Protein backbone atom coordinates (compact mmCIF):
# COMPACT_ATOMS: atom_id res chain seq x y z
CA MET A 1 -63.93 0.16 -9.97
CA PRO A 2 -62.97 2.41 -7.07
CA SER A 3 -65.75 3.37 -4.66
CA GLN A 4 -65.02 7.11 -5.09
CA VAL A 5 -62.72 9.29 -7.16
CA ILE A 6 -61.18 12.65 -6.31
CA VAL A 7 -60.29 14.48 -9.52
CA ASN A 8 -57.90 17.13 -8.22
CA ALA A 9 -56.60 20.06 -10.29
CA ASP A 10 -53.20 21.28 -9.12
CA ASP A 11 -51.84 24.85 -9.44
CA PHE A 12 -54.93 26.89 -8.51
CA GLY A 13 -53.72 30.46 -8.01
CA LEU A 14 -50.73 30.16 -10.35
CA SER A 15 -52.20 32.49 -12.98
CA ALA A 16 -55.50 34.03 -14.06
CA PRO A 17 -55.89 31.67 -17.07
CA ILE A 18 -55.35 28.60 -14.86
CA ASN A 19 -57.87 29.94 -12.35
CA ALA A 20 -60.41 30.35 -15.13
CA VAL A 21 -59.93 26.81 -16.43
CA ILE A 22 -60.19 25.31 -12.94
CA LEU A 23 -63.36 27.27 -12.19
CA HIS A 24 -64.90 26.12 -15.48
CA ALA A 25 -63.86 22.50 -14.83
CA PHE A 26 -65.55 22.60 -11.42
CA GLN A 27 -68.71 24.08 -12.90
CA ALA A 28 -68.73 21.43 -15.64
CA GLY A 29 -68.48 18.66 -13.03
CA LEU A 30 -65.16 17.38 -14.37
CA ILE A 31 -63.03 18.02 -11.29
CA SER A 32 -64.10 17.66 -7.69
CA SER A 33 -61.11 19.18 -5.90
CA ALA A 34 -58.21 21.59 -6.42
CA THR A 35 -55.10 22.69 -4.57
CA LEU A 36 -54.07 26.30 -4.07
CA MET A 37 -50.61 27.88 -4.37
CA ALA A 38 -50.33 30.48 -1.61
CA ASN A 39 -47.32 32.38 -2.97
CA MET A 40 -48.41 32.84 -6.58
CA PRO A 41 -49.73 35.99 -8.33
CA ALA A 42 -53.33 34.80 -8.80
CA PHE A 43 -53.70 33.49 -5.24
CA GLN A 44 -56.06 36.19 -3.95
CA ALA A 45 -58.29 35.91 -7.01
CA ALA A 46 -58.40 32.13 -6.51
CA CYS A 47 -59.48 32.63 -2.90
CA VAL A 48 -62.42 34.71 -4.08
CA LEU A 49 -63.39 31.99 -6.58
CA ALA A 50 -63.05 29.37 -3.85
CA GLN A 51 -66.14 30.82 -2.13
CA GLN A 52 -68.39 29.76 -5.01
CA PRO A 53 -70.68 26.80 -4.16
CA ALA A 54 -69.02 24.38 -6.60
CA LEU A 55 -65.61 24.98 -5.00
CA LYS A 56 -66.32 25.69 -1.34
CA GLY A 57 -64.78 23.10 0.98
CA ARG A 58 -62.96 21.41 -1.91
CA ILE A 59 -59.73 23.43 -1.99
CA GLY A 60 -56.51 22.13 -0.47
CA LEU A 61 -53.01 23.59 -0.15
CA HIS A 62 -50.51 22.94 -2.95
CA PHE A 63 -47.38 23.34 -0.83
CA ASN A 64 -44.67 25.02 -2.87
CA LEU A 65 -40.91 24.86 -2.33
CA THR A 66 -39.77 25.15 -5.95
CA TYR A 67 -41.26 28.21 -7.63
CA GLY A 68 -41.35 31.92 -6.83
CA ARG A 69 -40.53 33.50 -3.49
CA PRO A 70 -41.14 31.99 -0.06
CA LEU A 71 -43.56 33.59 2.39
CA SER A 72 -41.42 33.00 5.49
CA GLN A 73 -37.96 34.15 6.53
CA ALA A 74 -35.94 31.23 7.89
CA ILE A 75 -35.92 29.28 4.63
CA LEU A 76 -34.19 32.18 2.88
CA ALA A 77 -31.01 31.29 4.79
CA GLU A 78 -31.05 27.66 3.61
CA PRO A 79 -28.95 27.25 0.44
CA ARG A 80 -30.53 23.91 -0.48
CA PHE A 81 -33.90 25.69 -0.73
CA CYS A 82 -33.34 29.29 -1.84
CA THR A 83 -30.95 31.42 -3.89
CA ALA A 84 -29.13 34.42 -2.46
CA GLN A 85 -31.70 36.53 -4.34
CA GLY A 86 -34.55 35.08 -2.26
CA GLU A 87 -36.10 32.76 -4.87
CA PHE A 88 -36.95 29.10 -4.37
CA ASP A 89 -34.33 26.85 -5.97
CA LEU A 90 -34.70 23.41 -4.44
CA GLY A 91 -31.41 21.57 -4.36
CA LEU A 92 -32.55 18.34 -2.72
CA ARG A 93 -32.25 15.09 -4.63
CA GLN A 94 -35.33 12.91 -4.87
CA ARG A 95 -33.68 10.30 -2.68
CA THR A 96 -32.56 12.73 0.05
CA LEU A 97 -33.23 11.04 3.40
CA ARG A 98 -32.21 13.71 5.91
CA LEU A 99 -32.57 17.43 6.53
CA SER A 100 -30.66 19.41 9.10
CA ARG A 101 -32.59 20.68 12.10
CA SER A 102 -32.61 24.22 10.73
CA GLU A 103 -33.85 22.97 7.33
CA ARG A 104 -36.68 20.98 8.92
CA GLU A 105 -37.73 23.96 10.99
CA ALA A 106 -37.58 26.25 7.96
CA VAL A 107 -39.73 23.86 5.87
CA ARG A 108 -42.24 23.63 8.70
CA GLU A 109 -42.34 27.44 9.04
CA GLU A 110 -42.88 27.91 5.30
CA LEU A 111 -45.62 25.26 5.27
CA GLU A 112 -47.41 26.87 8.19
CA THR A 113 -47.10 30.32 6.62
CA GLN A 114 -48.56 29.13 3.32
CA TRP A 115 -51.37 27.38 5.21
CA GLN A 116 -52.16 30.43 7.32
CA ARG A 117 -52.24 32.69 4.28
CA CYS A 118 -55.01 30.49 2.86
CA VAL A 119 -56.92 30.65 6.14
CA ALA A 120 -56.49 34.44 6.34
CA HIS A 121 -58.07 34.73 2.89
CA GLY A 122 -61.09 32.62 3.79
CA VAL A 123 -59.94 29.21 2.55
CA MET A 124 -59.56 26.40 5.12
CA PRO A 125 -57.59 23.78 3.15
CA SER A 126 -59.29 20.41 2.81
CA HIS A 127 -56.03 18.50 2.31
CA LEU A 128 -52.35 18.83 1.47
CA ASP A 129 -50.25 17.99 -1.56
CA SER A 130 -47.23 19.71 -3.12
CA HIS A 131 -45.98 21.42 -6.26
CA GLN A 132 -43.75 19.15 -8.31
CA HIS A 133 -44.36 16.45 -5.66
CA VAL A 134 -41.73 17.80 -3.24
CA HIS A 135 -43.39 15.95 -0.35
CA ASN A 136 -42.30 12.74 -2.09
CA ILE A 137 -38.82 13.63 -0.81
CA TRP A 138 -38.81 11.57 2.39
CA PRO A 139 -37.89 14.18 5.05
CA VAL A 140 -40.08 16.86 3.45
CA GLY A 141 -42.94 14.36 3.36
CA GLU A 142 -42.51 13.69 7.06
CA VAL A 143 -42.82 17.42 7.84
CA VAL A 144 -45.90 17.70 5.61
CA ALA A 145 -47.57 14.57 7.00
CA ARG A 146 -47.05 15.59 10.62
CA PHE A 147 -48.48 19.02 9.87
CA ALA A 148 -51.46 17.44 8.09
CA ARG A 149 -52.24 15.34 11.17
CA GLU A 150 -52.07 18.46 13.37
CA GLN A 151 -54.56 20.18 11.09
CA GLY A 152 -56.78 17.09 10.81
CA VAL A 153 -56.56 16.85 7.02
CA PRO A 154 -55.40 14.16 4.57
CA VAL A 155 -52.18 14.30 2.56
CA ARG A 156 -51.72 13.00 -0.98
CA LEU A 157 -49.81 9.75 -1.29
CA ALA A 158 -47.00 9.33 -3.79
CA ARG A 159 -48.34 8.10 -7.14
CA ASN A 160 -48.72 4.34 -6.78
CA LEU A 161 -50.32 3.34 -10.10
CA GLY A 162 -48.32 3.37 -13.33
CA ARG A 163 -46.54 1.02 -15.66
CA ASN A 164 -43.40 3.16 -15.59
CA ILE A 165 -42.82 2.52 -11.86
CA GLY A 166 -39.92 0.07 -11.73
CA PRO A 167 -39.14 -2.29 -8.82
CA ALA A 168 -36.78 0.07 -6.97
CA LYS A 169 -39.09 3.06 -7.34
CA ARG A 170 -42.10 0.98 -6.34
CA LEU A 171 -40.35 -0.18 -3.19
CA PHE A 172 -39.45 3.41 -2.29
CA LYS A 173 -43.00 4.62 -2.95
CA THR A 174 -44.47 1.77 -0.90
CA LEU A 175 -42.27 2.65 2.07
CA LEU A 176 -42.89 6.38 1.69
CA ASN A 177 -46.65 5.90 1.47
CA TRP A 178 -46.57 3.66 4.55
CA ARG A 179 -44.76 6.46 6.38
CA LEU A 180 -47.15 9.16 5.14
CA ARG A 181 -50.14 7.09 6.30
CA GLN A 182 -48.47 6.36 9.63
CA LEU A 183 -47.83 10.06 10.31
CA SER A 184 -50.91 11.68 8.81
CA GLY A 185 -53.72 9.17 9.14
CA ALA A 186 -56.35 9.28 6.41
CA THR A 187 -55.41 9.53 2.75
CA ALA A 188 -56.85 8.32 -0.53
CA ASP A 189 -55.83 4.72 -1.29
CA TYR A 190 -54.48 5.24 -4.79
CA VAL A 191 -53.00 8.12 -6.79
CA CYS A 192 -52.61 8.22 -10.56
CA THR A 193 -52.44 10.57 -13.53
CA PRO A 194 -54.85 10.72 -16.48
CA ALA A 195 -52.20 8.86 -18.50
CA ASP A 196 -52.41 5.99 -16.01
CA LEU A 197 -56.19 5.92 -16.40
CA LYS A 198 -55.74 5.82 -20.17
CA ALA A 199 -53.49 2.77 -19.69
CA GLY A 200 -56.34 0.98 -17.91
CA LEU A 201 -54.87 1.11 -14.42
CA ALA A 202 -57.90 2.21 -12.42
CA PRO A 203 -58.03 0.21 -9.16
CA ARG A 204 -60.82 -2.26 -8.43
CA GLU A 205 -61.62 -0.81 -5.01
CA GLY A 206 -60.87 2.00 -2.60
CA VAL A 207 -60.64 5.77 -3.04
CA LEU A 208 -58.68 6.99 -6.07
CA GLU A 209 -57.16 10.44 -6.59
CA VAL A 210 -56.54 11.50 -10.19
CA VAL A 211 -53.93 14.27 -10.33
CA ALA A 212 -54.98 16.62 -13.12
CA HIS A 213 -53.67 19.77 -14.79
CA PRO A 214 -56.65 20.67 -16.99
CA SER A 215 -56.58 22.90 -20.05
CA ALA A 216 -59.43 24.33 -22.11
CA LEU A 217 -60.42 22.55 -25.34
CA GLY A 218 -63.46 24.70 -26.04
CA GLY A 219 -67.06 24.41 -24.97
CA HIS A 220 -67.31 22.25 -21.87
CA ASP A 221 -64.39 19.98 -22.78
CA PHE A 222 -60.93 19.91 -21.28
CA GLY A 223 -57.54 18.49 -22.06
CA ASP A 224 -54.76 17.76 -19.61
CA ALA A 225 -50.99 18.18 -19.39
CA TYR A 226 -50.60 14.40 -19.02
CA LEU A 227 -52.49 13.65 -22.26
CA GLU A 228 -51.82 14.21 -25.95
CA ARG A 229 -52.70 17.62 -27.38
CA GLY A 230 -56.44 17.80 -28.06
CA GLU A 231 -57.22 14.61 -26.15
CA SER A 232 -60.27 14.94 -23.89
CA LEU A 233 -59.79 14.49 -20.16
CA LYS A 234 -63.56 14.56 -19.73
CA SER A 235 -64.14 11.71 -22.17
CA LEU A 236 -61.37 9.67 -20.58
CA ILE A 237 -62.69 9.99 -17.03
CA ASP A 238 -66.28 9.43 -18.14
CA ALA A 239 -65.24 6.22 -19.93
CA ARG A 240 -62.81 4.79 -17.36
CA LEU A 241 -64.67 5.82 -14.21
CA GLU A 242 -68.28 5.64 -15.35
CA ASP A 243 -70.73 5.95 -12.44
CA VAL A 244 -67.94 6.38 -9.85
CA PRO A 245 -68.91 9.31 -7.58
CA ARG A 246 -66.58 12.31 -7.83
CA VAL A 247 -65.96 13.81 -4.41
CA GLY A 248 -63.65 16.18 -2.57
CA TYR A 249 -61.27 14.97 0.11
CA ALA A 250 -63.59 15.97 2.94
CA ALA A 251 -66.44 13.86 1.56
CA ALA A 252 -64.22 10.89 0.64
CA LEU A 253 -62.61 10.49 4.02
């Protein structure tokens, strides 16, 4: 069994219903971490919730390049990132290996602007990950990892547990994760989804992050986007990670 597990809920701030589920999941002890979307409609309400004792110090930044409007200006002029109408529309392939200088600078500016908006609303992010895993695109990941080191926080690795990771994808993820560690320093050792846990793929050691998207099942139970409808995320984690301490990134690393 891993020594610690970070159960992280993505998409905090996306909407009022998602905020409510994440708050309830914290209070129920199911999740131990969440990541905040700085450009979404329920962001300010999420920042208020983040001051509650169960959440304080456990909220990271969910860097977003794919949904809604950017918070900075330079990226609006980059056609591989935004439409002419000023909406995110990421046009990078997953295997993109290079960005132009102006694209790199625009990504960095948007990342810093999203980070600073969190700080301005009283949330100092505990770590960094990204919406729809955009930092798994190599050059975006390099920008994110360098920024994480500057801020002294961890960054999420690419998912490295899963039976659907073929040889070519595993090689790419191994190299990417080596680069993310090299640039950013501390990270969790393993990253998986609830479906990977269900498949019995919990590691035997190290710090594990479970990437969750919880939903309400009623009472104090929760489902997840990675599981079948009505399937309990709480029961799964309790069974697969029994007695493993659930911590936030700051406590784990």
